[in-house]
C-alpha atoms as a PDB file:
ATOM      1  CA  MET A   1      -5.256  39.946 -12.152  1.00  0.00           C
ATOM      2  CA  ILE A   2      -5.867  42.929 -14.394  1.00  0.00           C
ATOM      3  CA  ASP A   3      -5.612  42.179 -18.106  1.00  0.00           C
ATOM      4  CA  LEU A   4      -4.358  44.833 -20.530  1.00  0.00           C
ATOM      5  CA  ARG A   5      -7.350  44.043 -22.717  1.00  0.00           C
ATOM      6  CA  GLN A   6      -9.565  45.356 -19.942  1.00  0.00           C
ATOM      7  CA  PHE A   7      -7.879  48.729 -20.316  1.00  0.00           C
ATOM      8  CA  ARG A   8      -8.850  48.749 -24.005  1.00  0.00           C
ATOM      9  CA  TYR A   9     -12.404  47.706 -23.179  1.00  0.00           C
ATOM     10  CA  PHE A  10     -12.702  50.491 -20.616  1.00  0.00           C
ATOM     11  CA  VAL A  11     -11.347  53.145 -23.024  1.00  0.00           C
ATOM     12  CA  ALA A  12     -13.718  51.957 -25.753  1.00  0.00           C
ATOM     13  CA  LEU A  13     -16.611  52.190 -23.299  1.00  0.00           C
ATOM     14  CA  ASP A  14     -15.671  55.754 -22.453  1.00  0.00           C
ATOM     15  CA  GLU A  15     -15.598  56.659 -26.134  1.00  0.00           C
ATOM     16  CA  THR A  16     -19.136  55.337 -26.700  1.00  0.00           C
ATOM     17  CA  LEU A  17     -20.684  55.580 -23.214  1.00  0.00           C
ATOM     18  CA  HIS A  18     -22.761  52.604 -24.222  1.00  0.00           C
ATOM     19  CA  PHE A  19     -22.025  48.928 -23.580  1.00  0.00           C
ATOM     20  CA  GLY A  20     -23.686  47.742 -26.778  1.00  0.00           C
ATOM     21  CA  ARG A  21     -21.909  50.192 -29.072  1.00  0.00           C
ATOM     22  CA  ALA A  22     -18.586  49.605 -27.293  1.00  0.00           C
ATOM     23  CA  ALA A  23     -18.979  45.840 -27.701  1.00  0.00           C
ATOM     24  CA  GLU A  24     -19.754  46.299 -31.414  1.00  0.00           C
ATOM     25  CA  ARG A  25     -16.659  48.431 -31.888  1.00  0.00           C
ATOM     26  CA  LEU A  26     -14.537  45.834 -30.127  1.00  0.00           C
ATOM     27  CA  GLY A  27     -15.969  42.980 -32.195  1.00  0.00           C
ATOM     28  CA  MET A  28     -17.532  41.167 -29.262  1.00  0.00           C
ATOM     29  CA  SER A  29     -20.952  40.700 -27.708  1.00  0.00           C
ATOM     30  CA  GLN A  30     -22.176  42.866 -24.857  1.00  0.00           C
ATOM     31  CA  PRO A  31     -22.250  40.281 -22.009  1.00  0.00           C
ATOM     32  CA  PRO A  32     -18.510  39.437 -22.142  1.00  0.00           C
ATOM     33  CA  LEU A  33     -17.715  43.163 -22.227  1.00  0.00           C
ATOM     34  CA  SER A  34     -19.892  43.793 -19.169  1.00  0.00           C
ATOM     35  CA  ARG A  35     -18.210  40.903 -17.343  1.00  0.00           C
ATOM     36  CA  GLN A  36     -14.716  42.228 -18.155  1.00  0.00           C
ATOM     37  CA  ILE A  37     -15.518  45.743 -16.920  1.00  0.00           C
ATOM     38  CA  ALA A  38     -17.020  44.294 -13.753  1.00  0.00           C
ATOM     39  CA  ALA A  39     -13.927  42.132 -13.227  1.00  0.00           C
ATOM     40  CA  LEU A  40     -11.731  45.208 -13.649  1.00  0.00           C
ATOM     41  CA  GLU A  41     -13.742  47.069 -11.021  1.00  0.00           C
ATOM     42  CA  ARG A  42     -13.515  44.138  -8.603  1.00  0.00           C
ATOM     43  CA  GLU A  43      -9.749  43.931  -9.064  1.00  0.00           C
ATOM     44  CA  LEU A  44      -9.371  47.666  -8.470  1.00  0.00           C
ATOM     45  CA  GLY A  45     -11.899  47.767  -5.666  1.00  0.00           C
ATOM     46  CA  VAL A  46     -13.590  50.861  -7.095  1.00  0.00           C
ATOM     47  CA  VAL A  47     -16.659  51.655  -9.178  1.00  0.00           C
ATOM     48  CA  LEU A  48     -15.639  53.006 -12.581  1.00  0.00           C
ATOM     49  CA  ILE A  49     -19.000  53.091 -14.359  1.00  0.00           C
ATOM     50  CA  GLU A  50     -22.449  54.279 -13.361  1.00  0.00           C
ATOM     51  CA  ARG A  51     -24.752  51.939 -15.260  1.00  0.00           C
ATOM     52  CA  ARG A  52     -27.936  53.452 -16.600  1.00  0.00           C
ATOM     53  CA  PRO A  53     -30.507  51.893 -18.926  1.00  0.00           C
ATOM     54  CA  ARG A  54     -29.354  53.683 -22.068  1.00  0.00           C
ATOM     55  CA  GLN A  55     -26.019  55.161 -21.091  1.00  0.00           C
ATOM     56  CA  ALA A  56     -22.910  54.464 -19.081  1.00  0.00           C
ATOM     57  CA  THR A  57     -21.261  57.319 -17.199  1.00  0.00           C
ATOM     58  CA  LEU A  58     -17.803  57.394 -15.703  1.00  0.00           C
ATOM     59  CA  THR A  59     -17.518  58.018 -11.982  1.00  0.00           C
ATOM     60  CA  TYR A  60     -14.895  60.377 -10.604  1.00  0.00           C
ATOM     61  CA  ALA A  61     -12.617  57.388 -10.027  1.00  0.00           C
ATOM     62  CA  GLY A  62     -13.406  56.220 -13.558  1.00  0.00           C
ATOM     63  CA  ARG A  63     -12.395  59.555 -15.071  1.00  0.00           C
ATOM     64  CA  ARG A  64      -9.121  59.478 -13.159  1.00  0.00           C
ATOM     65  CA  PHE A  65      -8.470  55.872 -14.123  1.00  0.00           C
ATOM     66  CA  LEU A  66      -9.248  56.667 -17.777  1.00  0.00           C
ATOM     67  CA  GLU A  67      -6.401  59.166 -17.986  1.00  0.00           C
ATOM     68  CA  ASP A  68      -3.879  56.673 -16.627  1.00  0.00           C
ATOM     69  CA  ALA A  69      -5.305  53.802 -18.678  1.00  0.00           C
ATOM     70  CA  ARG A  70      -4.788  55.766 -21.874  1.00  0.00           C
ATOM     71  CA  ALA A  71      -1.217  56.542 -20.836  1.00  0.00           C
ATOM     72  CA  VAL A  72      -0.545  52.865 -20.114  1.00  0.00           C
ATOM     73  CA  LEU A  73      -1.973  51.790 -23.487  1.00  0.00           C
ATOM     74  CA  SER A  74      -0.006  54.480 -25.292  1.00  0.00           C
ATOM     75  CA  SER A  75       3.225  53.381 -23.624  1.00  0.00           C
ATOM     76  CA  PHE A  76       2.511  49.733 -24.356  1.00  0.00           C
ATOM     77  CA  ASP A  77       1.706  50.406 -28.005  1.00  0.00           C
ATOM     78  CA  GLN A  78       4.847  52.502 -28.337  1.00  0.00           C
ATOM     79  CA  ALA A  79       6.896  49.712 -26.767  1.00  0.00           C
ATOM     80  CA  CYS A  80       5.505  47.300 -29.357  1.00  0.00           C
ATOM     81  CA  ARG A  81       6.297  49.694 -32.197  1.00  0.00           C
ATOM     82  CA  ASN A  82       9.788  50.261 -30.851  1.00  0.00           C
ATOM     83  CA  ALA A  83      10.462  46.530 -30.758  1.00  0.00           C
ATOM     84  CA  GLN A  84       9.214  46.148 -34.324  1.00  0.00           C
ATOM     85  CA  LEU A  85      11.280  49.104 -35.517  1.00  0.00           C
ATOM     86  CA  ALA A  86      14.355  47.727 -33.776  1.00  0.00           C
ATOM     87  CA  GLU A  87      13.836  44.313 -35.350  1.00  0.00           C
ATOM     88  CA  ARG A  88      13.708  45.962 -38.773  1.00  0.00           C
ATOM     89  CA  GLY A  89      16.751  48.080 -37.967  1.00  0.00           C
ATOM     90  CA  GLU A  90      14.735  51.311 -38.006  1.00  0.00           C
ATOM     91  CA  ARG A  91      15.446  52.218 -34.401  1.00  0.00           C
ATOM     92  CA  GLY A  92      18.446  51.692 -32.153  1.00  0.00           C
ATOM     93  CA  GLU A  93      22.132  52.504 -32.316  1.00  0.00           C
ATOM     94  CA  LEU A  94      24.825  51.775 -34.878  1.00  0.00           C
ATOM     95  CA  SER A  95      28.550  52.394 -34.468  1.00  0.00           C
ATOM     96  CA  ILE A  96      30.667  52.820 -37.590  1.00  0.00           C
ATOM     97  CA  GLY A  97      34.437  53.217 -37.687  1.00  0.00           C
ATOM     98  CA  PHE A  98      36.141  54.632 -40.745  1.00  0.00           C
ATOM     99  CA  MET A  99      39.563  55.639 -41.976  1.00  0.00           C
ATOM    100  CA  MET A 100      40.271  59.228 -42.900  1.00  0.00           C
ATOM    101  CA  HIS A 101      40.412  58.463 -46.627  1.00  0.00           C
ATOM    102  CA  ALA A 102      36.810  57.251 -46.530  1.00  0.00           C
ATOM    103  CA  ALA A 103      35.740  60.623 -45.153  1.00  0.00           C
ATOM    104  CA  HIS A 104      36.576  62.009 -48.594  1.00  0.00           C
ATOM    105  CA  THR A 105      34.990  59.190 -50.590  1.00  0.00           C
ATOM    106  CA  VAL A 106      32.070  57.022 -49.450  1.00  0.00           C
ATOM    107  CA  VAL A 107      31.336  57.873 -45.817  1.00  0.00           C
ATOM    108  CA  PRO A 108      29.527  61.224 -46.211  1.00  0.00           C
ATOM    109  CA  GLY A 109      27.057  59.991 -48.823  1.00  0.00           C
ATOM    110  CA  LEU A 110      26.527  56.614 -47.164  1.00  0.00           C
ATOM    111  CA  ALA A 111      25.932  58.166 -43.749  1.00  0.00           C
ATOM    112  CA  ARG A 112      23.583  60.774 -45.185  1.00  0.00           C
ATOM    113  CA  ARG A 113      21.463  58.221 -47.041  1.00  0.00           C
ATOM    114  CA  PHE A 114      21.238  55.833 -44.104  1.00  0.00           C
ATOM    115  CA  MET A 115      20.418  58.533 -41.573  1.00  0.00           C
ATOM    116  CA  ALA A 116      17.744  59.960 -43.882  1.00  0.00           C
ATOM    117  CA  SER A 117      16.077  56.566 -44.356  1.00  0.00           C
ATOM    118  CA  HIS A 118      16.502  55.499 -40.708  1.00  0.00           C
ATOM    119  CA  PRO A 119      16.071  58.677 -38.633  1.00  0.00           C
ATOM    120  CA  GLU A 120      15.329  56.711 -35.446  1.00  0.00           C
ATOM    121  CA  VAL A 121      18.747  55.004 -35.498  1.00  0.00           C
ATOM    122  CA  HIS A 122      21.437  56.867 -33.598  1.00  0.00           C
ATOM    123  CA  VAL A 123      24.572  56.570 -35.735  1.00  0.00           C
ATOM    124  CA  GLN A 124      27.977  56.961 -34.113  1.00  0.00           C
ATOM    125  CA  LEU A 125      30.791  57.693 -36.574  1.00  0.00           C
ATOM    126  CA  ARG A 126      34.410  57.575 -35.481  1.00  0.00           C
ATOM    127  CA  GLU A 127      37.580  58.103 -37.497  1.00  0.00           C
ATOM    128  CA  VAL A 128      40.328  55.569 -36.725  1.00  0.00           C
ATOM    129  CA  VAL A 129      43.633  54.614 -38.353  1.00  0.00           C
ATOM    130  CA  PRO A 130      43.052  51.859 -40.957  1.00  0.00           C
ATOM    131  CA  SER A 131      45.127  49.151 -39.276  1.00  0.00           C
ATOM    132  CA  SER A 132      42.990  49.024 -36.127  1.00  0.00           C
ATOM    133  CA  LEU A 133      39.568  48.924 -37.756  1.00  0.00           C
ATOM    134  CA  ALA A 134      39.345  45.202 -38.497  1.00  0.00           C
ATOM    135  CA  ASP A 135      40.123  44.235 -34.896  1.00  0.00           C
ATOM    136  CA  ALA A 136      37.689  46.871 -33.644  1.00  0.00           C
ATOM    137  CA  VAL A 137      34.893  45.202 -35.610  1.00  0.00           C
ATOM    138  CA  LEU A 138      35.868  41.710 -34.475  1.00  0.00           C
ATOM    139  CA  THR A 139      35.904  42.781 -30.819  1.00  0.00           C
ATOM    140  CA  GLY A 140      32.565  44.561 -31.096  1.00  0.00           C
ATOM    141  CA  ARG A 141      33.801  48.120 -30.716  1.00  0.00           C
ATOM    142  CA  PHE A 142      32.197  48.922 -34.065  1.00  0.00           C
ATOM    143  CA  ASP A 143      29.274  47.282 -35.821  1.00  0.00           C
ATOM    144  CA  ALA A 144      30.970  47.946 -39.159  1.00  0.00           C
ATOM    145  CA  ALA A 145      33.983  49.744 -40.533  1.00  0.00           C
ATOM    146  CA  ILE A 146      35.151  51.254 -43.800  1.00  0.00           C
ATOM    147  CA  LEU A 147      38.814  50.670 -44.483  1.00  0.00           C
ATOM    148  CA  PHE A 148      41.346  49.553 -47.052  1.00  0.00           C
ATOM    149  CA  ASN A 149      40.909  45.897 -47.903  1.00  0.00           C
ATOM    150  CA  PRO A 150      42.716  43.923 -45.164  1.00  0.00           C
ATOM    151  CA  GLY A 151      42.406  40.657 -47.072  1.00  0.00           C
ATOM    152  CA  PRO A 152      40.559  37.575 -45.787  1.00  0.00           C
ATOM    153  CA  LEU A 153      40.188  37.577 -42.007  1.00  0.00           C
ATOM    154  CA  ARG A 154      38.511  34.844 -39.996  1.00  0.00           C
ATOM    155  CA  GLY A 155      35.205  36.011 -38.561  1.00  0.00           C
ATOM    156  CA  LEU A 156      34.973  39.116 -40.756  1.00  0.00           C
ATOM    157  CA  GLY A 157      32.656  39.799 -43.673  1.00  0.00           C
ATOM    158  CA  ILE A 158      34.168  42.078 -46.315  1.00  0.00           C
ATOM    159  CA  ARG A 159      32.635  43.749 -49.356  1.00  0.00           C
ATOM    160  CA  SER A 160      34.265  46.192 -51.790  1.00  0.00           C
ATOM    161  CA  ILE A 161      32.378  49.498 -52.018  1.00  0.00           C
ATOM    162  CA  HIS A 162      34.840  51.887 -53.666  1.00  0.00           C
ATOM    163  CA  THR A 163      38.114  51.973 -55.581  1.00  0.00           C
ATOM    164  CA  GLU A 164      40.450  54.834 -56.348  1.00  0.00           C
ATOM    165  CA  ARG A 165      43.831  55.300 -57.965  1.00  0.00           C
ATOM    166  CA  LEU A 166      46.981  56.564 -56.346  1.00  0.00           C
ATOM    167  CA  CYS A 167      48.528  59.784 -57.586  1.00  0.00           C
ATOM    168  CA  VAL A 168      51.725  61.641 -56.787  1.00  0.00           C
ATOM    169  CA  VAL A 169      51.745  64.889 -54.835  1.00  0.00           C
ATOM    170  CA  VAL A 170      54.705  67.263 -55.061  1.00  0.00           C
ATOM    171  CA  ARG A 171      55.545  70.809 -54.093  1.00  0.00           C
ATOM    172  CA  GLU A 172      54.315  73.210 -56.767  1.00  0.00           C
ATOM    173  CA  ASP A 173      57.862  74.182 -57.781  1.00  0.00           C
ATOM    174  CA  HIS A 174      59.052  70.558 -58.059  1.00  0.00           C
ATOM    175  CA  VAL A 175      60.232  69.384 -61.489  1.00  0.00           C
ATOM    176  CA  LEU A 176      57.450  66.762 -61.601  1.00  0.00           C
ATOM    177  CA  ALA A 177      54.838  69.490 -61.155  1.00  0.00           C
ATOM    178  CA  GLY A 178      55.331  70.375 -64.828  1.00  0.00           C
ATOM    179  CA  ARG A 179      54.311  66.903 -66.014  1.00  0.00           C
ATOM    180  CA  ALA A 180      50.741  65.880 -66.714  1.00  0.00           C
ATOM    181  CA  LEU A 181      51.548  62.196 -66.236  1.00  0.00           C
ATOM    182  CA  VAL A 182      54.316  60.767 -64.072  1.00  0.00           C
ATOM    183  CA  ASP A 183      55.928  57.397 -64.724  1.00  0.00           C
ATOM    184  CA  ALA A 184      57.230  55.184 -61.908  1.00  0.00           C
ATOM    185  CA  ARG A 185      60.792  55.539 -63.248  1.00  0.00           C
ATOM    186  CA  GLN A 186      60.615  59.303 -62.803  1.00  0.00           C
ATOM    187  CA  LEU A 187      60.236  58.843 -59.052  1.00  0.00           C
ATOM    188  CA  HIS A 188      63.715  57.325 -58.757  1.00  0.00           C
ATOM    189  CA  GLY A 189      65.830  59.201 -56.256  1.00  0.00           C
ATOM    190  CA  GLU A 190      62.918  61.131 -54.776  1.00  0.00           C
ATOM    191  CA  PRO A 191      62.574  60.936 -50.984  1.00  0.00           C
ATOM    192  CA  LEU A 192      59.124  59.648 -50.029  1.00  0.00           C
ATOM    193  CA  ILE A 193      56.803  60.632 -47.220  1.00  0.00           C
ATOM    194  CA  ALA A 194      54.374  57.871 -46.309  1.00  0.00           C
ATOM    195  CA  ALA A 195      52.225  56.354 -43.607  1.00  0.00           C
ATOM    196  CA  PRO A 196      53.956  53.572 -41.632  1.00  0.00           C
ATOM    197  CA  ALA A 197      53.230  50.011 -42.707  1.00  0.00           C
ATOM    198  CA  GLU A 198      51.618  49.259 -39.339  1.00  0.00           C
ATOM    199  CA  VAL A 199      49.107  52.091 -39.881  1.00  0.00           C
ATOM    200  CA  ALA A 200      48.103  51.482 -43.510  1.00  0.00           C
ATOM    201  CA  PRO A 201      49.730  48.212 -44.645  1.00  0.00           C
ATOM    202  CA  LEU A 202      47.936  47.931 -47.989  1.00  0.00           C
ATOM    203  CA  LEU A 203      48.646  51.544 -48.956  1.00  0.00           C
ATOM    204  CA  ARG A 204      52.302  51.188 -47.996  1.00  0.00           C
ATOM    205  CA  HIS A 205      52.585  47.949 -49.984  1.00  0.00           C
ATOM    206  CA  LEU A 206      51.133  49.566 -53.109  1.00  0.00           C
ATOM    207  CA  ILE A 207      53.497  52.530 -52.858  1.00  0.00           C
ATOM    208  CA  LEU A 208      56.584  50.351 -52.517  1.00  0.00           C
ATOM    209  CA  SER A 209      55.458  47.987 -55.277  1.00  0.00           C
ATOM    210  CA  TYR A 210      54.831  50.847 -57.684  1.00  0.00           C
ATOM    211  CA  CYS A 211      58.288  52.270 -57.096  1.00  0.00           C
ATOM    212  CA  ARG A 212      59.851  48.848 -57.583  1.00  0.00           C
ATOM    213  CA  SER A 213      57.984  48.540 -60.883  1.00  0.00           C
ATOM    214  CA  GLY A 214      60.105  51.532 -61.967  1.00  0.00           C
ATOM    215  CA  GLY A 215      63.256  49.553 -61.252  1.00  0.00           C
ATOM    216  CA  PHE A 216      64.347  51.058 -57.957  1.00  0.00           C
ATOM    217  CA  GLU A 217      64.037  50.543 -54.214  1.00  0.00           C
ATOM    218  CA  PRO A 218      62.295  53.586 -52.729  1.00  0.00           C
ATOM    219  CA  VAL A 219      63.657  55.559 -49.801  1.00  0.00           C
ATOM    220  CA  VAL A 220      61.049  56.653 -47.239  1.00  0.00           C
ATOM    221  CA  ARG A 221      62.422  59.772 -45.595  1.00  0.00           C
ATOM    222  CA  LEU A 222      59.556  60.557 -43.239  1.00  0.00           C
ATOM    223  CA  GLU A 223      56.650  58.569 -41.820  1.00  0.00           C
ATOM    224  CA  THR A 224      53.442  59.939 -40.351  1.00  0.00           C
ATOM    225  CA  GLN A 225      50.016  58.398 -40.038  1.00  0.00           C
ATOM    226  CA  LEU A 226      47.921  61.402 -41.097  1.00  0.00           C
ATOM    227  CA  GLN A 227      47.500  62.188 -44.786  1.00  0.00           C
ATOM    228  CA  GLN A 228      46.996  65.864 -43.954  1.00  0.00           C
ATOM    229  CA  THR A 229      50.408  65.883 -42.301  1.00  0.00           C
ATOM    230  CA  ILE A 230      51.967  64.107 -45.285  1.00  0.00           C
ATOM    231  CA  LEU A 231      50.669  66.806 -47.614  1.00  0.00           C
ATOM    232  CA  SER A 232      51.898  69.547 -45.289  1.00  0.00           C
ATOM    233  CA  LEU A 233      55.387  68.025 -45.265  1.00  0.00           C
ATOM    234  CA  VAL A 234      55.324  67.825 -49.064  1.00  0.00           C
ATOM    235  CA  ALA A 235      54.369  71.500 -49.146  1.00  0.00           C
ATOM    236  CA  GLU A 236      57.519  72.241 -47.134  1.00  0.00           C
ATOM    237  CA  GLY A 237      59.642  70.509 -49.762  1.00  0.00           C
ATOM    238  CA  LEU A 238      60.646  67.603 -47.514  1.00  0.00           C
ATOM    239  CA  GLY A 239      59.760  64.959 -50.075  1.00  0.00           C
ATOM    240  CA  ILE A 240      57.029  63.696 -52.364  1.00  0.00           C
ATOM    241  CA  ALA A 241      54.180  61.293 -51.631  1.00  0.00           C
ATOM    242  CA  LEU A 242      51.958  58.769 -53.339  1.00  0.00           C
ATOM    243  CA  VAL A 243      48.461  59.158 -51.996  1.00  0.00           C
ATOM    244  CA  PRO A 244      44.895  58.134 -52.914  1.00  0.00           C
ATOM    245  CA  GLU A 245      43.456  60.598 -55.406  1.00  0.00           C
ATOM    246  CA  SER A 246      40.679  61.559 -52.955  1.00  0.00           C
ATOM    247  CA  MET A 247      43.343  63.494 -51.028  1.00  0.00           C
ATOM    248  CA  ARG A 248      43.056  66.194 -53.683  1.00  0.00           C
ATOM    249  CA  LYS A 249      39.964  67.323 -51.768  1.00  0.00           C
ATOM    250  CA  LEU A 250      42.031  68.415 -48.770  1.00  0.00           C
ATOM    251  CA  GLY A 251      42.988  71.635 -50.556  1.00  0.00           C
ATOM    252  CA  VAL A 252      46.507  71.989 -49.108  1.00  0.00           C
ATOM    253  CA  ALA A 253      48.318  75.051 -50.477  1.00  0.00           C
ATOM    254  CA  ASP A 254      51.641  74.904 -52.356  1.00  0.00           C
ATOM    255  CA  VAL A 255      51.230  71.326 -53.592  1.00  0.00           C
ATOM    256  CA  VAL A 256      50.055  69.843 -56.876  1.00  0.00           C
ATOM    257  CA  PHE A 257      48.724  66.394 -57.684  1.00  0.00           C
ATOM    258  CA  ARG A 258      49.749  64.542 -60.810  1.00  0.00           C
ATOM    259  CA  ASP A 259      48.376  61.332 -62.294  1.00  0.00           C
ATOM    260  CA  LEU A 260      50.547  58.226 -62.348  1.00  0.00           C
ATOM    261  CA  ALA A 261      51.036  56.048 -65.397  1.00  0.00           C
ATOM    262  CA  ASP A 262      49.607  52.598 -64.677  1.00  0.00           C
ATOM    263  CA  ALA A 263      48.555  53.899 -61.287  1.00  0.00           C
ATOM    264  CA  PRO A 264      47.909  51.346 -58.531  1.00  0.00           C
ATOM    265  CA  VAL A 265      44.295  51.007 -57.487  1.00  0.00           C
ATOM    266  CA  ILE A 266      43.362  50.797 -53.820  1.00  0.00           C
ATOM    267  CA  GLU A 267      40.120  49.288 -52.624  1.00  0.00           C
ATOM    268  CA  HIS A 268      37.819  50.536 -49.902  1.00  0.00           C
ATOM    269  CA  VAL A 269      35.701  47.885 -48.221  1.00  0.00           C
ATOM    270  CA  VAL A 270      33.001  47.702 -45.601  1.00  0.00           C
ATOM    271  CA  ALA A 271      33.746  45.090 -42.955  1.00  0.00           C
ATOM    272  CA  TRP A 272      31.375  43.588 -40.415  1.00  0.00           C
ATOM    273  CA  ARG A 273      31.053  40.572 -38.172  1.00  0.00           C
ATOM    274  CA  PRO A 274      28.412  38.203 -39.625  1.00  0.00           C
ATOM    275  CA  GLY A 275      27.409  37.115 -36.120  1.00  0.00           C
ATOM    276  CA  ASN A 276      26.524  40.672 -35.094  1.00  0.00           C
ATOM    277  CA  LEU A 277      22.835  40.679 -34.111  1.00  0.00           C
ATOM    278  CA  ASN A 278      22.344  44.451 -34.150  1.00  0.00           C
ATOM    279  CA  PRO A 279      19.221  44.804 -36.349  1.00  0.00           C
ATOM    280  CA  ALA A 280      20.389  48.228 -37.569  1.00  0.00           C
ATOM    281  CA  LEU A 281      23.435  46.645 -39.202  1.00  0.00           C
ATOM    282  CA  ARG A 282      21.545  44.844 -41.959  1.00  0.00           C
ATOM    283  CA  PRO A 283      19.914  47.965 -43.482  1.00  0.00           C
ATOM    284  CA  PHE A 284      23.218  49.835 -43.218  1.00  0.00           C
ATOM    285  CA  LEU A 285      24.970  47.110 -45.187  1.00  0.00           C
ATOM    286  CA  ALA A 286      22.148  47.152 -47.701  1.00  0.00           C
ATOM    287  CA  GLU A 287      22.614  50.900 -48.110  1.00  0.00           C
ATOM    288  CA  ALA A 288      26.294  50.197 -48.774  1.00  0.00           C
ATOM    289  CA  GLY A 289      25.323  47.765 -51.509  1.00  0.00           C
ATOM    290  CA  VAL A 290      25.984  44.577 -49.562  1.00  0.00           C
ATOM    291  CA  PRO A 291      23.444  41.789 -50.197  1.00  0.00           C
ATOM    292  CA  VAL A 292      22.962  40.245 -46.756  1.00  0.00           C
ATOM    293  CA  ALA A 293      20.615  37.277 -46.446  1.00  0.00           C
END
């Protein structure tokens, strides 16, 4: 049976055209090298080398075999490197789900840094509503996800990577637009536009709790899952909204953002399944600031 080492011996012999010098380069004595080349020829059933007293010359069959032997060795060496890169998380695929809010906070910088340091990893980014991200990680749809903190979930690793305050957004001609700081009590009687609880449960909880801290039960007039749509509805004068301050970056016309007194803070986390064996996951988590053993 042909041994891959024989391919290396044969290539080394071609590069020196001398059994003694080839053996020296390979770190072996000449007789074992001669025996290995002879065994290769017997296995192939062809003569690869014309043996002369001071020089070895490749036959026509030898020259043809040399080209293929180099290709085989190159492919094998590349396969070894690929396996090593994959084990270190430097090659492969990584799927990341994220909520829209994270697109305006941590995702761009995190993705840029990881892709720059791991160019051989194909990164798939997909925006998904926050409520479905945890299950998507648990079921293996995503290797990791960036979402609002869902709280402790069995089988899920969670690490905080960003926090931001909520602010109030109103139409530019609204009475609250003239205030630099808005208190919870000043929201009393204002119709709210918000994402449904089943879409962003933590965000909805913080909004309702903040209003209740002002001594009133809020009235949610309209519900929609997209923050862009919420801002557009505010711009039409259909209500006001409490949104993460990163939503200022959307640049929607005819609305203004105002800070809230004692504003609630919402936490962004990266979530992953500790049992996930994808080697690209570990360096991604490290880039996100997660110490993973």
